[in-house]
Amino acid sequence: MHVDLRPFRLLERRTRLGLTVAVSLVSIAALCFVPPVSLGPGYHDFVDNRPIFSIPNGLDVLSNLPFVIVGILGVMWLSGRSSDRSFIERRERLPYLVFFAGVALTGLGSSWYHLAPGNGRLLWDLLPMSCSFMSMVAALIMERISLRVGFRMFIPLLAFGIGSVIYWYLTETQGRGDYRFYLFVQFFPPILLAMIIALFPPRYTATNYLAVAFILFVVAKLFEPFDKQIYSFTGLVSGHSLKHLTAGLSCYWILRMLQCRRPIQSAGESSATSPLGTCERQPAS
């Protein structure tokens, strides 16, 4: 399904920038007035605790493997010469390198956490995940709004993401755990990315892959609150394990986007549509 975004992009650039900045600032300001959010007493209670090959909580642990595989593949591909044609400038790789490194480390951290769920281990799950979320924000700003601004915002965005996790952990150790800033880091970036995609034209083709990744991410988040219900229905797999698998697949489609995309000035916006999964020229959206 093709969505015509031209009416949004016909607005003056200053207006589009103003909307993006205003929504971001209002959201951050509103966050300060939200009361502290705790994890809840049952946060670490997952329904599927069956061991696999003597691994406790086997499926919740092993379902993180796609994160590790996709993350390593992404870092390796970005480090090779074959990725040159997917970027106009070399520094545009940096947020994606951090993104995929974060994905791989999220797989390791989440596996470590699910072996024995608890606050101490959760820290190592959330830290790399926050870096991946913030890296995607920086990448889209660099590609669609301003390379210079996105590059300058990259470190502050990472610091905000990491800081949200450290803040939660420190407040948790003091008996007043406050999870709201990390929740913001997890849920606001997809909203901001959707705004940027809608308001600013791409410099690269293959953005349909990004749409697939976004849909898979949403599906993964929908699996999470229905951990017990899905396990009760299937008797085989829990909602949390499906969340891991679907989110890992979402990260894979981001890698495919990078592998298949080309700068628009060399590929042309009028290139013919080709099926997802191939690396033929893709139309911009």
Protein backbone atom coordinates (compact mmCIF):
# COMPACT_ATOMS: atom_id res chain seq x y z
CA MET A 1 0.00 0.00 0.00
CA HIS A 2 1.42 3.38 -1.03
CA VAL A 3 0.74 6.44 1.14
CA ASP A 4 1.03 9.80 -0.60
CA LEU A 5 3.16 11.97 1.69
CA ARG A 6 3.57 14.86 -0.75
CA PRO A 7 0.98 17.15 0.94
CA PHE A 8 3.00 17.03 4.18
CA ARG A 9 6.28 17.68 2.38
CA LEU A 10 4.86 20.63 0.45
CA LEU A 11 4.74 22.62 3.69
CA GLU A 12 7.55 25.13 4.09
CA ARG A 13 10.68 23.52 5.51
CA ARG A 14 10.62 25.95 8.43
CA THR A 15 7.08 24.81 9.27
CA ARG A 16 8.05 21.13 9.11
CA LEU A 17 11.09 21.72 11.29
CA GLY A 18 8.99 23.71 13.74
CA LEU A 19 6.44 20.93 14.05
CA THR A 20 9.14 18.32 14.66
CA VAL A 21 10.93 20.41 17.29
CA ALA A 22 7.67 21.47 18.97
CA VAL A 23 6.38 17.91 19.32
CA SER A 24 9.74 16.79 20.74
CA LEU A 25 10.03 19.63 23.26
CA VAL A 26 6.40 19.38 24.39
CA SER A 27 6.76 15.61 24.86
CA ILE A 28 9.93 15.99 26.92
CA ALA A 29 8.38 18.78 29.00
CA ALA A 30 5.22 16.74 29.60
CA LEU A 31 7.37 13.81 30.74
CA CYS A 32 8.61 15.89 33.67
CA PHE A 33 5.04 16.23 34.96
CA VAL A 34 4.25 12.52 34.71
CA PRO A 35 4.45 10.81 38.13
CA PRO A 36 7.19 8.20 38.62
CA VAL A 37 6.48 4.84 36.99
CA SER A 38 7.64 1.69 38.76
CA LEU A 39 8.28 -1.68 37.15
CA GLY A 40 5.49 -3.33 39.08
CA PRO A 41 5.70 -6.39 41.34
CA GLY A 42 5.27 -8.93 38.53
CA TYR A 43 7.60 -7.39 35.97
CA HIS A 44 10.16 -10.20 36.17
CA ASP A 45 7.56 -13.00 36.22
CA PHE A 46 7.47 -14.63 32.78
CA VAL A 47 5.12 -17.49 32.11
CA ASP A 48 7.43 -19.83 30.16
CA ASN A 49 10.10 -21.06 32.56
CA ARG A 50 10.73 -24.42 30.90
CA PRO A 51 14.42 -25.34 30.71
CA ILE A 52 15.96 -26.32 27.36
CA PHE A 53 19.20 -28.33 27.45
CA SER A 54 19.52 -27.33 31.12
CA ILE A 55 19.13 -23.63 30.19
CA PRO A 56 16.62 -22.00 32.58
CA ASN A 57 13.72 -20.20 30.89
CA GLY A 58 14.99 -21.75 27.68
CA LEU A 59 12.85 -20.12 24.98
CA ASP A 60 13.04 -16.66 26.50
CA VAL A 61 16.83 -17.01 26.53
CA LEU A 62 17.35 -18.66 23.13
CA SER A 63 14.85 -16.42 21.31
CA ASN A 64 17.43 -13.64 21.69
CA LEU A 65 19.71 -15.39 19.22
CA PRO A 66 18.33 -13.43 16.20
CA PHE A 67 19.44 -10.18 17.86
CA VAL A 68 22.99 -11.47 18.19
CA ILE A 69 23.12 -12.82 14.63
CA VAL A 70 21.58 -9.75 12.97
CA GLY A 71 23.68 -7.38 15.06
CA ILE A 72 26.94 -9.11 14.13
CA LEU A 73 25.94 -9.33 10.46
CA GLY A 74 25.10 -5.63 10.46
CA VAL A 75 28.41 -4.57 12.00
CA MET A 76 30.36 -6.83 9.63
CA TRP A 77 28.54 -5.55 6.55
CA LEU A 78 28.93 -1.90 7.55
CA SER A 79 32.64 -2.47 8.15
CA GLY A 80 33.15 -3.83 4.62
CA ARG A 81 33.61 -2.11 1.29
CA SER A 82 30.33 -3.46 -0.08
CA SER A 83 28.45 -0.93 2.08
CA ASP A 84 30.09 2.06 0.36
CA ARG A 85 27.37 2.46 -2.26
CA SER A 86 24.64 2.66 0.41
CA PHE A 87 25.96 5.89 1.93
CA ILE A 88 26.71 9.28 0.46
CA GLU A 89 29.09 10.17 3.30
CA ARG A 90 31.06 7.76 5.48
CA ARG A 91 29.99 9.35 8.77
CA GLU A 92 26.40 8.33 8.04
CA ARG A 93 27.47 4.78 8.91
CA LEU A 94 28.22 5.66 12.53
CA PRO A 95 24.68 5.58 13.97
CA TYR A 96 23.99 2.33 12.14
CA LEU A 97 27.20 0.78 13.47
CA VAL A 98 26.10 1.69 16.99
CA PHE A 99 22.58 0.48 16.21
CA PHE A 100 23.70 -3.00 15.17
CA ALA A 101 26.31 -3.23 17.92
CA GLY A 102 23.49 -2.37 20.32
CA VAL A 103 21.28 -5.03 18.76
CA ALA A 104 23.95 -7.71 19.24
CA LEU A 105 24.62 -6.59 22.82
CA THR A 106 20.88 -6.48 23.50
CA GLY A 107 20.70 -10.15 22.51
CA LEU A 108 23.51 -11.00 24.92
CA GLY A 109 22.16 -8.77 27.69
CA SER A 110 18.62 -10.05 27.33
CA SER A 111 19.84 -13.66 27.38
CA TRP A 112 21.78 -12.93 30.56
CA TYR A 113 18.71 -11.28 32.08
CA HIS A 114 16.32 -14.10 31.22
CA LEU A 115 18.58 -16.73 32.77
CA ALA A 116 17.65 -15.24 36.16
CA PRO A 117 15.34 -12.20 35.75
CA GLY A 118 15.97 -9.39 38.21
CA ASN A 119 16.74 -5.69 38.38
CA GLY A 120 20.51 -6.15 38.41
CA ARG A 121 20.52 -8.10 35.17
CA LEU A 122 17.82 -5.99 33.51
CA LEU A 123 20.29 -3.11 33.42
CA TRP A 124 22.42 -4.96 30.83
CA ASP A 125 19.36 -5.61 28.68
CA LEU A 126 18.18 -2.00 28.64
CA LEU A 127 21.49 -0.16 28.16
CA PRO A 128 22.33 -1.42 24.64
CA MET A 129 18.66 -1.28 23.65
CA SER A 130 18.50 2.41 24.50
CA CYS A 131 21.57 3.03 22.32
CA SER A 132 19.90 1.31 19.38
CA PHE A 133 16.73 3.40 19.74
CA MET A 134 18.65 6.68 19.91
CA SER A 135 20.94 5.69 17.03
CA MET A 136 17.97 5.28 14.69
CA VAL A 137 16.74 8.77 15.62
CA ALA A 138 20.17 10.23 14.81
CA ALA A 139 20.36 8.27 11.54
CA LEU A 140 16.99 9.55 10.28
CA ILE A 141 17.81 13.14 11.26
CA MET A 142 21.10 12.88 9.35
CA GLU A 143 19.44 11.38 6.28
CA ARG A 144 16.27 13.44 6.06
CA ILE A 145 16.75 16.74 7.91
CA SER A 146 20.40 17.70 8.23
CA LEU A 147 23.56 15.61 8.19
CA ARG A 148 25.39 18.18 10.31
CA VAL A 149 22.63 18.53 12.92
CA GLY A 150 22.07 14.78 13.16
CA PHE A 151 25.79 14.15 13.59
CA ARG A 152 26.02 16.75 16.37
CA MET A 153 22.95 15.34 18.12
CA PHE A 154 24.21 11.76 18.00
CA ILE A 155 26.23 11.78 21.24
CA PRO A 156 23.63 13.79 23.23
CA LEU A 157 20.92 11.37 22.08
CA LEU A 158 23.00 8.38 23.17
CA ALA A 159 23.69 10.09 26.50
CA PHE A 160 19.97 10.67 27.02
CA GLY A 161 19.18 7.02 26.30
CA ILE A 162 21.92 5.67 28.56
CA GLY A 163 21.04 8.22 31.23
CA SER A 164 17.40 7.09 31.27
CA VAL A 165 18.50 3.55 32.13
CA ILE A 166 21.05 4.63 34.75
CA TYR A 167 18.46 6.93 36.33
CA TRP A 168 16.00 4.03 36.60
CA TYR A 169 18.64 1.75 38.11
CA LEU A 170 19.81 4.30 40.69
CA THR A 171 16.25 5.09 41.77
CA GLU A 172 15.53 1.36 41.93
CA THR A 173 18.44 0.80 44.32
CA GLN A 174 16.98 3.56 46.50
CA GLY A 175 13.61 1.81 46.65
CA ARG A 176 11.76 4.32 44.45
CA GLY A 177 12.33 2.96 40.97
CA ASP A 178 11.31 5.40 38.22
CA TYR A 179 11.02 3.82 34.78
CA ARG A 180 9.31 6.68 32.92
CA PHE A 181 12.38 8.15 31.19
CA TYR A 182 13.34 4.79 29.72
CA LEU A 183 9.73 4.25 28.62
CA PHE A 184 10.02 7.58 26.81
CA VAL A 185 13.23 6.41 25.13
CA GLN A 186 11.48 3.23 24.04
CA PHE A 187 8.18 4.62 22.79
CA PHE A 188 8.80 8.20 21.63
CA PRO A 189 11.46 7.46 18.95
CA PRO A 190 9.01 5.49 16.74
CA ILE A 191 6.61 8.44 16.87
CA LEU A 192 9.38 10.90 16.05
CA LEU A 193 10.70 8.69 13.24
CA ALA A 194 7.21 8.46 11.73
CA MET A 195 6.97 12.27 11.80
CA ILE A 196 10.36 12.68 10.14
CA ILE A 197 9.49 10.16 7.43
CA ALA A 198 6.16 11.86 6.77
CA LEU A 199 7.51 15.44 6.69
CA PHE A 200 10.92 15.13 5.06
CA PRO A 201 11.78 13.44 1.74
CA PRO A 202 14.42 10.68 1.69
CA ARG A 203 17.89 10.87 0.20
CA TYR A 204 17.89 7.10 -0.36
CA THR A 205 15.68 4.47 -1.96
CA ALA A 206 14.34 1.31 -0.26
CA THR A 207 12.37 3.06 2.47
CA ASN A 208 9.67 0.41 2.02
CA TYR A 209 11.99 -1.90 3.97
CA LEU A 210 11.91 0.59 6.83
CA ALA A 211 8.10 0.46 6.77
CA VAL A 212 8.22 -3.33 7.15
CA ALA A 213 10.68 -2.99 10.05
CA PHE A 214 8.36 -0.50 11.74
CA ILE A 215 5.33 -2.79 11.39
CA LEU A 216 7.28 -5.73 12.82
CA PHE A 217 8.39 -3.58 15.76
CA VAL A 218 4.78 -2.66 16.51
CA VAL A 219 3.77 -6.33 16.33
CA ALA A 220 6.61 -7.23 18.70
CA LYS A 221 5.40 -4.67 21.24
CA LEU A 222 1.86 -6.07 20.96
CA PHE A 223 3.14 -9.56 21.81
CA GLU A 224 4.76 -8.34 25.03
CA PRO A 225 1.69 -7.62 27.23
CA PHE A 226 0.05 -10.91 26.19
CA ASP A 227 2.88 -13.16 27.36
CA LYS A 228 0.65 -15.47 29.43
CA GLN A 229 -2.37 -15.44 27.13
CA ILE A 230 -0.34 -16.46 24.07
CA TYR A 231 1.39 -19.22 26.00
CA SER A 232 -1.94 -20.46 27.31
CA PHE A 233 -3.37 -20.47 23.78
CA THR A 234 -0.44 -22.11 21.99
CA GLY A 235 0.99 -24.25 24.76
CA LEU A 236 4.32 -23.96 22.92
CA VAL A 237 5.59 -20.39 22.89
CA SER A 238 4.98 -17.32 25.03
CA GLY A 239 4.27 -13.77 23.97
CA HIS A 240 7.65 -12.65 25.29
CA SER A 241 9.57 -15.17 23.18
CA LEU A 242 7.57 -14.09 20.12
CA LYS A 243 8.43 -10.49 20.96
CA HIS A 244 12.14 -11.33 20.81
CA LEU A 245 11.81 -13.17 17.50
CA THR A 246 9.69 -10.48 15.84
CA ALA A 247 11.88 -7.62 17.07
CA GLY A 248 14.96 -9.47 15.80
CA LEU A 249 13.27 -9.80 12.40
CA SER A 250 12.52 -6.07 12.48
CA CYS A 251 16.24 -5.36 12.92
CA TYR A 252 16.99 -7.66 9.99
CA TRP A 253 14.76 -5.58 7.71
CA ILE A 254 16.70 -2.48 8.69
CA LEU A 255 19.85 -4.29 7.57
CA ARG A 256 18.13 -5.25 4.29
CA MET A 257 17.11 -1.62 3.79
CA LEU A 258 20.73 -0.53 4.03
CA GLN A 259 21.96 -3.30 1.76
CA CYS A 260 19.39 -2.55 -0.94
CA ARG A 261 19.22 1.23 -0.88
CA ARG A 262 21.00 3.68 -3.18
CA PRO A 263 21.27 7.47 -3.16
CA ILE A 264 18.26 8.88 -4.98
CA GLN A 265 20.32 11.12 -7.24
CA SER A 266 21.99 8.02 -8.69
CA ALA A 267 19.05 5.61 -8.52
CA GLY A 268 16.30 8.01 -9.51
CA GLU A 269 12.93 8.44 -7.83
CA SER A 270 11.18 6.89 -10.82
CA SER A 271 12.87 3.49 -10.54
CA ALA A 272 10.55 0.57 -11.00
CA THR A 273 9.22 -1.19 -7.94
CA SER A 274 10.75 -4.56 -7.20
CA PRO A 275 9.69 -7.16 -4.63
CA LEU A 276 10.83 -6.89 -1.04
CA GLY A 277 13.68 -9.24 -0.32
CA THR A 278 15.59 -8.39 -3.49
CA CYS A 279 18.27 -5.74 -3.84
CA GLU A 280 17.07 -4.28 -7.07
CA ARG A 281 16.37 -0.59 -7.17
CA GLN A 282 13.58 0.47 -4.84
CA PRO A 283 11.37 3.54 -5.13
CA ALA A 284 11.51 6.24 -2.49
CA SER A 285 8.46 6.93 -0.39
